[in-house]
Amino acid sequence: MKVTALIPDKLVHDIKQYTGAKNITESLIVALNEWLALKKVKELNILIKKHPLRFSSQFSSSKVREINRK
């Protein structure tokens, strides 16, 4: 998608510096993907806080270790 946006030069410069991307487009893609991932994690944290995960009564850490070692 082609977009025209007015973004402050300082913000674009900082984004390019932190992402290490080759150009502005790649920098913005990296920054937007990271921002979106953080938002999804925050939403998941809220959901888990409302409905905490519960282990099955048949859960055993030793069984999990055995599976991981195979």
Protein backbone atom coordinates (compact mmCIF):
# COMPACT_ATOMS: atom_id res chain seq x y z
CA MET A 1 0.00 0.00 0.00
CA LYS A 2 1.29 3.40 -0.89
CA VAL A 3 0.74 6.05 1.80
CA THR A 4 1.52 9.72 2.14
CA ALA A 5 2.09 10.77 5.72
CA LEU A 6 3.49 13.81 7.47
CA ILE A 7 5.97 12.45 10.00
CA PRO A 8 8.44 14.67 11.87
CA ASP A 9 12.01 14.35 10.57
CA LYS A 10 13.39 13.66 14.07
CA LEU A 11 10.97 10.76 14.53
CA VAL A 12 11.90 9.23 11.17
CA HIS A 13 15.60 9.68 11.94
CA ASP A 14 15.25 8.00 15.34
CA ILE A 15 13.22 5.13 13.89
CA LYS A 16 15.82 4.55 11.17
CA GLN A 17 18.58 4.61 13.78
CA TYR A 18 16.92 2.15 16.16
CA THR A 19 15.67 -0.30 13.51
CA GLY A 20 18.91 -0.35 11.56
CA ALA A 21 16.87 -0.71 8.38
CA LYS A 22 18.12 0.26 4.93
CA ASN A 23 15.47 2.87 4.17
CA ILE A 24 12.45 4.71 5.60
CA THR A 25 9.93 2.17 4.31
CA GLU A 26 11.74 -0.77 5.88
CA SER A 27 12.24 1.22 9.10
CA LEU A 28 8.54 2.00 9.36
CA ILE A 29 7.58 -1.61 8.66
CA VAL A 30 9.89 -2.82 11.44
CA ALA A 31 8.63 -0.17 13.88
CA LEU A 32 4.96 -0.81 13.11
CA ASN A 33 5.37 -4.60 13.41
CA GLU A 34 7.08 -4.22 16.78
CA TRP A 35 4.40 -1.80 17.99
CA LEU A 36 1.66 -4.19 16.87
CA ALA A 37 3.35 -7.13 18.60
CA LEU A 38 3.55 -5.15 21.86
CA LYS A 39 -0.14 -4.25 21.64
CA LYS A 40 -1.05 -7.92 21.13
CA VAL A 41 1.04 -8.94 24.15
CA LYS A 42 -0.67 -6.28 26.28
CA GLU A 43 -4.10 -7.54 25.18
CA LEU A 44 -3.07 -11.11 25.95
CA ASN A 45 -1.85 -10.06 29.41
CA ILE A 46 -5.23 -8.45 30.12
CA LEU A 47 -7.04 -11.59 28.94
CA ILE A 48 -4.85 -13.87 31.06
CA LYS A 49 -5.36 -11.62 34.08
CA LYS A 50 -9.13 -12.00 33.67
CA HIS A 51 -8.94 -15.73 32.91
CA PRO A 52 -5.72 -17.18 34.37
CA LEU A 53 -4.19 -20.28 32.86
CA ARG A 54 -4.72 -23.43 34.86
CA PHE A 55 -2.68 -26.61 34.69
CA SER A 56 -4.45 -29.88 34.05
CA SER A 57 -4.68 -32.15 37.07
CA GLN A 58 -2.66 -34.66 35.03
CA PHE A 59 0.21 -32.19 34.46
CA SER A 60 3.63 -33.30 35.60
CA SER A 61 6.87 -31.39 35.15
CA SER A 62 8.82 -34.64 35.03
CA LYS A 63 6.65 -35.88 32.13
CA VAL A 64 7.31 -32.64 30.25
CA ARG A 65 11.06 -33.02 30.80
CA GLU A 66 10.93 -36.58 29.46
CA ILE A 67 9.12 -35.39 26.34
CA ASN A 68 11.61 -32.55 25.80
CA ARG A 69 14.58 -34.90 26.09
CA LYS A 70 13.30 -37.14 23.27
